[in-house]
Amino acid sequence: MDVNDYLNPAEEKMAMAVEYLDEALSHIRAGKASPKLIDGIRVEYYGSTVPVSNVANISVPDARTIAITPWEKAMFKEIEKAIINSELGITPENNGEVIRLCIPPLTEERRKTLVKQSKAEAETAKISVRNARRDAIDALKKAVKQGLPEDVEKDAENTAQKLHDKYLKKIDELFAAKEREILTV
């Protein structure tokens, strides 16, 4: 029995929680245009739902605009409908060749809402990290009953706690950076 058999999966789960948070925060609008804002939007395409990036070219010509150029004319209505029905809160403009999304400057109230949303995502990631630590510690305690020395188990518990602290610090840093980005006018 090796304690790494318990700690490695826990660290993997913690790392995945941080990656998930990073991805989730990148989808939260912070006043600047980014192609990632529409990554979560899916459109109907020949009987299946696919991301907008699979049916159109997405570009950011300036800090406040996202340009979507569908590869097929038939996709204009589908993409517009998907954007309107999404949680993005932006009305698309269509000139027949390009769909433009003009990112309006954020109001103070909207900024606070986005910070709350970011904080909720960070809290979800923290819960995942705590659960990974708890699972590892529980598994270590069961291993003691199967013959793992107690001092080795205690050392492994301390290592799990250090991993937990390291990943919580990363989560706090990601949230702080996103909060700064949202609150910067």
C-alpha atoms as a PDB file:
ATOM      1  CA  MET A   1       0.000   0.000   0.000  1.00  0.00           C
ATOM      2  CA  ASP A   2       1.297   3.396  -0.999  1.00  0.00           C
ATOM      3  CA  VAL A   3      -0.194   6.667   0.279  1.00  0.00           C
ATOM      4  CA  ASN A   4       0.258   8.151  -3.205  1.00  0.00           C
ATOM      5  CA  ASP A   5      -2.488   5.798  -4.363  1.00  0.00           C
ATOM      6  CA  TYR A   6      -4.803   7.955  -2.226  1.00  0.00           C
ATOM      7  CA  LEU A   7      -3.169  11.370  -2.637  1.00  0.00           C
ATOM      8  CA  ASN A   8      -2.679  11.382  -6.432  1.00  0.00           C
ATOM      9  CA  PRO A   9      -6.386  10.964  -7.287  1.00  0.00           C
ATOM     10  CA  ALA A  10      -7.224  13.662  -4.725  1.00  0.00           C
ATOM     11  CA  GLU A  11      -4.704  16.063  -6.249  1.00  0.00           C
ATOM     12  CA  GLU A  12      -6.055  15.249  -9.714  1.00  0.00           C
ATOM     13  CA  LYS A  13      -9.604  16.115  -8.581  1.00  0.00           C
ATOM     14  CA  MET A  14      -8.361  19.343  -7.003  1.00  0.00           C
ATOM     15  CA  ALA A  15      -6.523  20.332 -10.190  1.00  0.00           C
ATOM     16  CA  MET A  16      -9.638  19.584 -12.245  1.00  0.00           C
ATOM     17  CA  ALA A  17     -11.702  21.808  -9.922  1.00  0.00           C
ATOM     18  CA  VAL A  18      -9.275  24.689 -10.537  1.00  0.00           C
ATOM     19  CA  GLU A  19      -9.351  24.066 -14.320  1.00  0.00           C
ATOM     20  CA  TYR A  20     -13.143  23.999 -14.243  1.00  0.00           C
ATOM     21  CA  LEU A  21     -13.214  27.298 -12.332  1.00  0.00           C
ATOM     22  CA  ASP A  22     -10.814  28.895 -14.802  1.00  0.00           C
ATOM     23  CA  GLU A  23     -13.042  27.770 -17.673  1.00  0.00           C
ATOM     24  CA  ALA A  24     -16.242  28.891 -15.924  1.00  0.00           C
ATOM     25  CA  LEU A  25     -14.809  32.323 -15.113  1.00  0.00           C
ATOM     26  CA  SER A  26     -13.693  32.820 -18.712  1.00  0.00           C
ATOM     27  CA  HIS A  27     -17.368  32.588 -19.762  1.00  0.00           C
ATOM     28  CA  ILE A  28     -18.412  35.388 -17.401  1.00  0.00           C
ATOM     29  CA  ARG A  29     -18.522  38.696 -19.234  1.00  0.00           C
ATOM     30  CA  ALA A  30     -16.216  41.340 -17.799  1.00  0.00           C
ATOM     31  CA  GLY A  31     -16.912  44.247 -20.137  1.00  0.00           C
ATOM     32  CA  LYS A  32     -14.402  43.146 -22.784  1.00  0.00           C
ATOM     33  CA  ALA A  33     -15.249  41.156 -25.879  1.00  0.00           C
ATOM     34  CA  SER A  34     -13.887  37.615 -25.919  1.00  0.00           C
ATOM     35  CA  PRO A  35     -14.708  34.660 -28.188  1.00  0.00           C
ATOM     36  CA  LYS A  36     -15.036  32.529 -25.040  1.00  0.00           C
ATOM     37  CA  LEU A  37     -18.222  34.404 -24.162  1.00  0.00           C
ATOM     38  CA  ILE A  38     -20.107  32.474 -26.839  1.00  0.00           C
ATOM     39  CA  ASP A  39     -18.380  29.108 -26.355  1.00  0.00           C
ATOM     40  CA  GLY A  40     -21.324  27.834 -24.331  1.00  0.00           C
ATOM     41  CA  ILE A  41     -23.896  28.770 -26.966  1.00  0.00           C
ATOM     42  CA  ARG A  42     -25.021  25.825 -29.054  1.00  0.00           C
ATOM     43  CA  VAL A  43     -26.973  25.835 -32.324  1.00  0.00           C
ATOM     44  CA  GLU A  44     -29.029  23.247 -34.183  1.00  0.00           C
ATOM     45  CA  TYR A  45     -27.011  21.977 -37.175  1.00  0.00           C
ATOM     46  CA  TYR A  46     -28.312  19.129 -39.336  1.00  0.00           C
ATOM     47  CA  GLY A  47     -30.097  17.446 -36.453  1.00  0.00           C
ATOM     48  CA  SER A  48     -27.511  17.861 -33.714  1.00  0.00           C
ATOM     49  CA  THR A  49     -26.555  20.711 -31.401  1.00  0.00           C
ATOM     50  CA  VAL A  50     -23.036  22.034 -31.860  1.00  0.00           C
ATOM     51  CA  PRO A  51     -21.082  25.043 -30.527  1.00  0.00           C
ATOM     52  CA  VAL A  52     -21.278  28.221 -32.627  1.00  0.00           C
ATOM     53  CA  SER A  53     -17.546  27.880 -33.355  1.00  0.00           C
ATOM     54  CA  ASN A  54     -18.309  24.682 -35.329  1.00  0.00           C
ATOM     55  CA  VAL A  55     -20.544  26.507 -37.824  1.00  0.00           C
ATOM     56  CA  ALA A  56     -19.006  29.981 -38.006  1.00  0.00           C
ATOM     57  CA  ASN A  57     -15.809  31.975 -37.808  1.00  0.00           C
ATOM     58  CA  ILE A  58     -15.609  34.008 -34.593  1.00  0.00           C
ATOM     59  CA  SER A  59     -13.393  37.082 -34.344  1.00  0.00           C
ATOM     60  CA  VAL A  60     -12.926  40.075 -32.056  1.00  0.00           C
ATOM     61  CA  PRO A  61     -12.275  43.151 -34.230  1.00  0.00           C
ATOM     62  CA  ASP A  62     -12.130  45.492 -31.219  1.00  0.00           C
ATOM     63  CA  ALA A  63     -12.531  45.456 -27.421  1.00  0.00           C
ATOM     64  CA  ARG A  64     -16.321  45.886 -27.558  1.00  0.00           C
ATOM     65  CA  THR A  65     -17.341  43.750 -30.568  1.00  0.00           C
ATOM     66  CA  ILE A  66     -17.554  40.057 -31.428  1.00  0.00           C
ATOM     67  CA  ALA A  67     -18.016  39.254 -35.125  1.00  0.00           C
ATOM     68  CA  ILE A  68     -19.545  35.913 -36.133  1.00  0.00           C
ATOM     69  CA  THR A  69     -19.334  34.930 -39.797  1.00  0.00           C
ATOM     70  CA  PRO A  70     -21.437  31.808 -40.477  1.00  0.00           C
ATOM     71  CA  TRP A  71     -20.107  29.432 -43.119  1.00  0.00           C
ATOM     72  CA  GLU A  72     -23.611  28.805 -44.459  1.00  0.00           C
ATOM     73  CA  LYS A  73     -26.332  31.423 -45.039  1.00  0.00           C
ATOM     74  CA  ALA A  74     -28.919  29.119 -43.452  1.00  0.00           C
ATOM     75  CA  MET A  75     -27.124  29.356 -40.105  1.00  0.00           C
ATOM     76  CA  PHE A  76     -27.758  33.123 -39.620  1.00  0.00           C
ATOM     77  CA  LYS A  77     -31.216  32.641 -38.100  1.00  0.00           C
ATOM     78  CA  GLU A  78     -30.120  29.653 -35.991  1.00  0.00           C
ATOM     79  CA  ILE A  79     -27.125  31.501 -34.530  1.00  0.00           C
ATOM     80  CA  GLU A  80     -29.155  34.647 -33.835  1.00  0.00           C
ATOM     81  CA  LYS A  81     -31.900  32.621 -32.155  1.00  0.00           C
ATOM     82  CA  ALA A  82     -29.350  30.767 -29.993  1.00  0.00           C
ATOM     83  CA  ILE A  83     -27.685  34.047 -28.913  1.00  0.00           C
ATOM     84  CA  ILE A  84     -31.026  35.669 -28.055  1.00  0.00           C
ATOM     85  CA  ASN A  85     -32.097  32.598 -26.043  1.00  0.00           C
ATOM     86  CA  SER A  86     -28.749  32.390 -24.196  1.00  0.00           C
ATOM     87  CA  GLU A  87     -27.915  33.999 -20.859  1.00  0.00           C
ATOM     88  CA  LEU A  88     -25.521  36.404 -22.600  1.00  0.00           C
ATOM     89  CA  GLY A  89     -28.032  39.266 -22.551  1.00  0.00           C
ATOM     90  CA  ILE A  90     -26.852  40.792 -25.838  1.00  0.00           C
ATOM     91  CA  THR A  91     -28.974  41.347 -28.939  1.00  0.00           C
ATOM     92  CA  PRO A  92     -27.163  40.368 -32.154  1.00  0.00           C
ATOM     93  CA  GLU A  93     -26.978  42.710 -35.172  1.00  0.00           C
ATOM     94  CA  ASN A  94     -27.081  41.057 -38.602  1.00  0.00           C
ATOM     95  CA  ASN A  95     -26.062  42.789 -41.839  1.00  0.00           C
ATOM     96  CA  GLY A  96     -26.507  39.708 -44.038  1.00  0.00           C
ATOM     97  CA  GLU A  97     -22.839  38.707 -43.978  1.00  0.00           C
ATOM     98  CA  VAL A  98     -21.729  39.075 -40.362  1.00  0.00           C
ATOM     99  CA  ILE A  99     -23.508  38.837 -37.017  1.00  0.00           C
ATOM    100  CA  ARG A 100     -22.128  41.463 -34.658  1.00  0.00           C
ATOM    101  CA  LEU A 101     -22.394  41.382 -30.889  1.00  0.00           C
ATOM    102  CA  CYS A 102     -21.707  44.791 -29.358  1.00  0.00           C
ATOM    103  CA  ILE A 103     -20.642  44.339 -25.756  1.00  0.00           C
ATOM    104  CA  PRO A 104     -22.158  47.243 -23.791  1.00  0.00           C
ATOM    105  CA  PRO A 105     -20.228  48.744 -20.890  1.00  0.00           C
ATOM    106  CA  LEU A 106     -21.288  47.160 -17.607  1.00  0.00           C
ATOM    107  CA  THR A 107     -23.436  49.040 -15.114  1.00  0.00           C
ATOM    108  CA  GLU A 108     -22.423  49.043 -11.453  1.00  0.00           C
ATOM    109  CA  GLU A 109     -25.354  46.771 -10.608  1.00  0.00           C
ATOM    110  CA  ARG A 110     -24.406  44.305 -13.364  1.00  0.00           C
ATOM    111  CA  ARG A 111     -20.782  44.310 -12.160  1.00  0.00           C
ATOM    112  CA  LYS A 112     -21.913  43.353  -8.649  1.00  0.00           C
ATOM    113  CA  THR A 113     -24.093  40.568 -10.070  1.00  0.00           C
ATOM    114  CA  LEU A 114     -21.161  39.224 -12.106  1.00  0.00           C
ATOM    115  CA  VAL A 115     -18.888  39.322  -9.039  1.00  0.00           C
ATOM    116  CA  LYS A 116     -21.523  37.320  -7.114  1.00  0.00           C
ATOM    117  CA  GLN A 117     -21.734  34.827  -9.976  1.00  0.00           C
ATOM    118  CA  SER A 118     -17.928  34.512 -10.011  1.00  0.00           C
ATOM    119  CA  LYS A 119     -17.866  34.052  -6.247  1.00  0.00           C
ATOM    120  CA  ALA A 120     -20.462  31.274  -6.523  1.00  0.00           C
ATOM    121  CA  GLU A 121     -18.313  29.508  -9.148  1.00  0.00           C
ATOM    122  CA  ALA A 122     -15.252  29.869  -6.883  1.00  0.00           C
ATOM    123  CA  GLU A 123     -17.205  28.462  -3.939  1.00  0.00           C
ATOM    124  CA  THR A 124     -18.271  25.460  -6.032  1.00  0.00           C
ATOM    125  CA  ALA A 125     -14.629  24.808  -6.905  1.00  0.00           C
ATOM    126  CA  LYS A 126     -13.638  25.104  -3.232  1.00  0.00           C
ATOM    127  CA  ILE A 127     -16.294  22.561  -2.298  1.00  0.00           C
ATOM    128  CA  SER A 128     -14.874  20.156  -4.899  1.00  0.00           C
ATOM    129  CA  VAL A 129     -11.373  20.595  -3.446  1.00  0.00           C
ATOM    130  CA  ARG A 130     -12.666  19.988   0.093  1.00  0.00           C
ATOM    131  CA  ASN A 131     -14.530  16.887  -1.053  1.00  0.00           C
ATOM    132  CA  ALA A 132     -11.374  15.520  -2.715  1.00  0.00           C
ATOM    133  CA  ARG A 133      -9.426  16.072   0.528  1.00  0.00           C
ATOM    134  CA  ARG A 134     -12.173  14.423   2.592  1.00  0.00           C
ATOM    135  CA  ASP A 135     -12.314  11.411   0.252  1.00  0.00           C
ATOM    136  CA  ALA A 136      -8.534  10.986   0.450  1.00  0.00           C
ATOM    137  CA  ILE A 137      -8.529  11.192   4.258  1.00  0.00           C
ATOM    138  CA  ASP A 138     -11.425   8.727   4.521  1.00  0.00           C
ATOM    139  CA  ALA A 139      -9.601   6.299   2.227  1.00  0.00           C
ATOM    140  CA  LEU A 140      -6.425   6.674   4.320  1.00  0.00           C
ATOM    141  CA  LYS A 141      -8.357   5.913   7.519  1.00  0.00           C
ATOM    142  CA  LYS A 142      -9.758   2.771   5.905  1.00  0.00           C
ATOM    143  CA  ALA A 143      -6.221   1.833   4.850  1.00  0.00           C
ATOM    144  CA  VAL A 144      -5.094   2.028   8.507  1.00  0.00           C
ATOM    145  CA  LYS A 145      -7.645  -0.697   9.272  1.00  0.00           C
ATOM    146  CA  GLN A 146      -6.087  -2.732   6.464  1.00  0.00           C
ATOM    147  CA  GLY A 147      -2.586  -2.427   7.886  1.00  0.00           C
ATOM    148  CA  LEU A 148      -1.222   1.023   6.925  1.00  0.00           C
ATOM    149  CA  PRO A 149       0.889   2.397   9.814  1.00  0.00           C
ATOM    150  CA  GLU A 150      -0.856   5.252  11.672  1.00  0.00           C
ATOM    151  CA  ASP A 151       2.118   7.624  11.502  1.00  0.00           C
ATOM    152  CA  VAL A 152       2.252   7.182   7.704  1.00  0.00           C
ATOM    153  CA  GLU A 153      -1.480   7.882   7.584  1.00  0.00           C
ATOM    154  CA  LYS A 154      -1.058  11.068   9.667  1.00  0.00           C
ATOM    155  CA  ASP A 155       1.755  12.285   7.396  1.00  0.00           C
ATOM    156  CA  ALA A 156      -0.416  11.573   4.348  1.00  0.00           C
ATOM    157  CA  GLU A 157      -3.303  13.486   5.980  1.00  0.00           C
ATOM    158  CA  ASN A 158      -0.985  16.467   6.466  1.00  0.00           C
ATOM    159  CA  THR A 159       0.063  16.205   2.817  1.00  0.00           C
ATOM    160  CA  ALA A 160      -3.603  16.132   1.776  1.00  0.00           C
ATOM    161  CA  GLN A 161      -4.199  19.249   3.874  1.00  0.00           C
ATOM    162  CA  LYS A 162      -1.230  21.006   2.230  1.00  0.00           C
ATOM    163  CA  LEU A 163      -2.586  20.095  -1.228  1.00  0.00           C
ATOM    164  CA  HIS A 164      -5.994  21.408  -0.148  1.00  0.00           C
ATOM    165  CA  ASP A 165      -4.476  24.707   1.006  1.00  0.00           C
ATOM    166  CA  LYS A 166      -2.429  25.056  -2.198  1.00  0.00           C
ATOM    167  CA  TYR A 167      -5.465  24.587  -4.447  1.00  0.00           C
ATOM    168  CA  LEU A 168      -7.699  26.845  -2.342  1.00  0.00           C
ATOM    169  CA  LYS A 169      -5.046  29.555  -2.712  1.00  0.00           C
ATOM    170  CA  LYS A 170      -5.121  29.088  -6.510  1.00  0.00           C
ATOM    171  CA  ILE A 171      -8.916  29.366  -6.478  1.00  0.00           C
ATOM    172  CA  ASP A 172      -8.754  32.559  -4.413  1.00  0.00           C
ATOM    173  CA  GLU A 173      -6.182  34.013  -6.829  1.00  0.00           C
ATOM    174  CA  LEU A 174      -8.350  33.176  -9.871  1.00  0.00           C
ATOM    175  CA  PHE A 175     -11.407  34.737  -8.226  1.00  0.00           C
ATOM    176  CA  ALA A 176      -9.490  37.859  -7.159  1.00  0.00           C
ATOM    177  CA  ALA A 177      -8.175  38.331 -10.716  1.00  0.00           C
ATOM    178  CA  LYS A 178     -11.669  37.935 -12.184  1.00  0.00           C
ATOM    179  CA  GLU A 179     -13.128  40.304  -9.588  1.00  0.00           C
ATOM    180  CA  ARG A 180     -10.514  42.934 -10.498  1.00  0.00           C
ATOM    181  CA  GLU A 181     -11.270  42.421 -14.180  1.00  0.00           C
ATOM    182  CA  ILE A 182     -15.026  42.849 -13.628  1.00  0.00           C
ATOM    183  CA  LEU A 183     -14.741  45.876 -11.344  1.00  0.00           C
ATOM    184  CA  THR A 184     -12.208  47.707 -13.533  1.00  0.00           C
ATOM    185  CA  VAL A 185     -14.160  50.392 -15.374  1.00  0.00           C
END
